[in-house]
Amino acid sequence: MQEQENLLTICPCGKSNNCYNSKAINFSQCFDCGLTKLPEGTDTETYPKLYKDFSIGNWFPYYLNTKDFTVFLDGTSKDDAKYVYIEFDENKKPIQSTKKEFERNNFYELLKFLNDETI
C-alpha cells in the first residue's frame, strides 16, 4: 500500500503555517484564515466580490451549504469580514437566533464549533 502524504505547509496568504494539504484526496485548507484550494477549472465568475477580494489564485475563502445550516464569509469589506454560521428552519429560512460569527483569521475555532455542533 502506498503511503499517503499529509502536510502542514505555509498558506498562500503568507501569514500561517497551518495549511493542511492532503495529496490523497487533493484537498488543501488553511486552519487559520480558511482559504481553501479549489479544483483547477472551477468557475468563480459568480463568486461574491468579498470572496474574490480574499482570493489568491485558485484559493478562496471557505463556504459550506447543507440542508440544516450554512457557513460563509460575510462583511462589507476585507476589514470587517467574518465567517458566519447560521441554521435553517424547515422552510430553508435562516434562524437568526442561531447566528454565530467567527474571526476570519481564527478559522480553527469555526472548525471546532462545527465538529461539536454537527456530530
Foldseek 3Di string as FASTA:
>chain_A
DDDWDWAQAADPVRPDSRWIATPVVGWIAHQFQQWTADPPPDDCVPPDPQQVVPDDVRTTHDWDDDQFKIWDWDDDHPVPIWIWIFTADPVRHTDVVRIDTHHNRNNNVVVVVCVVPPD
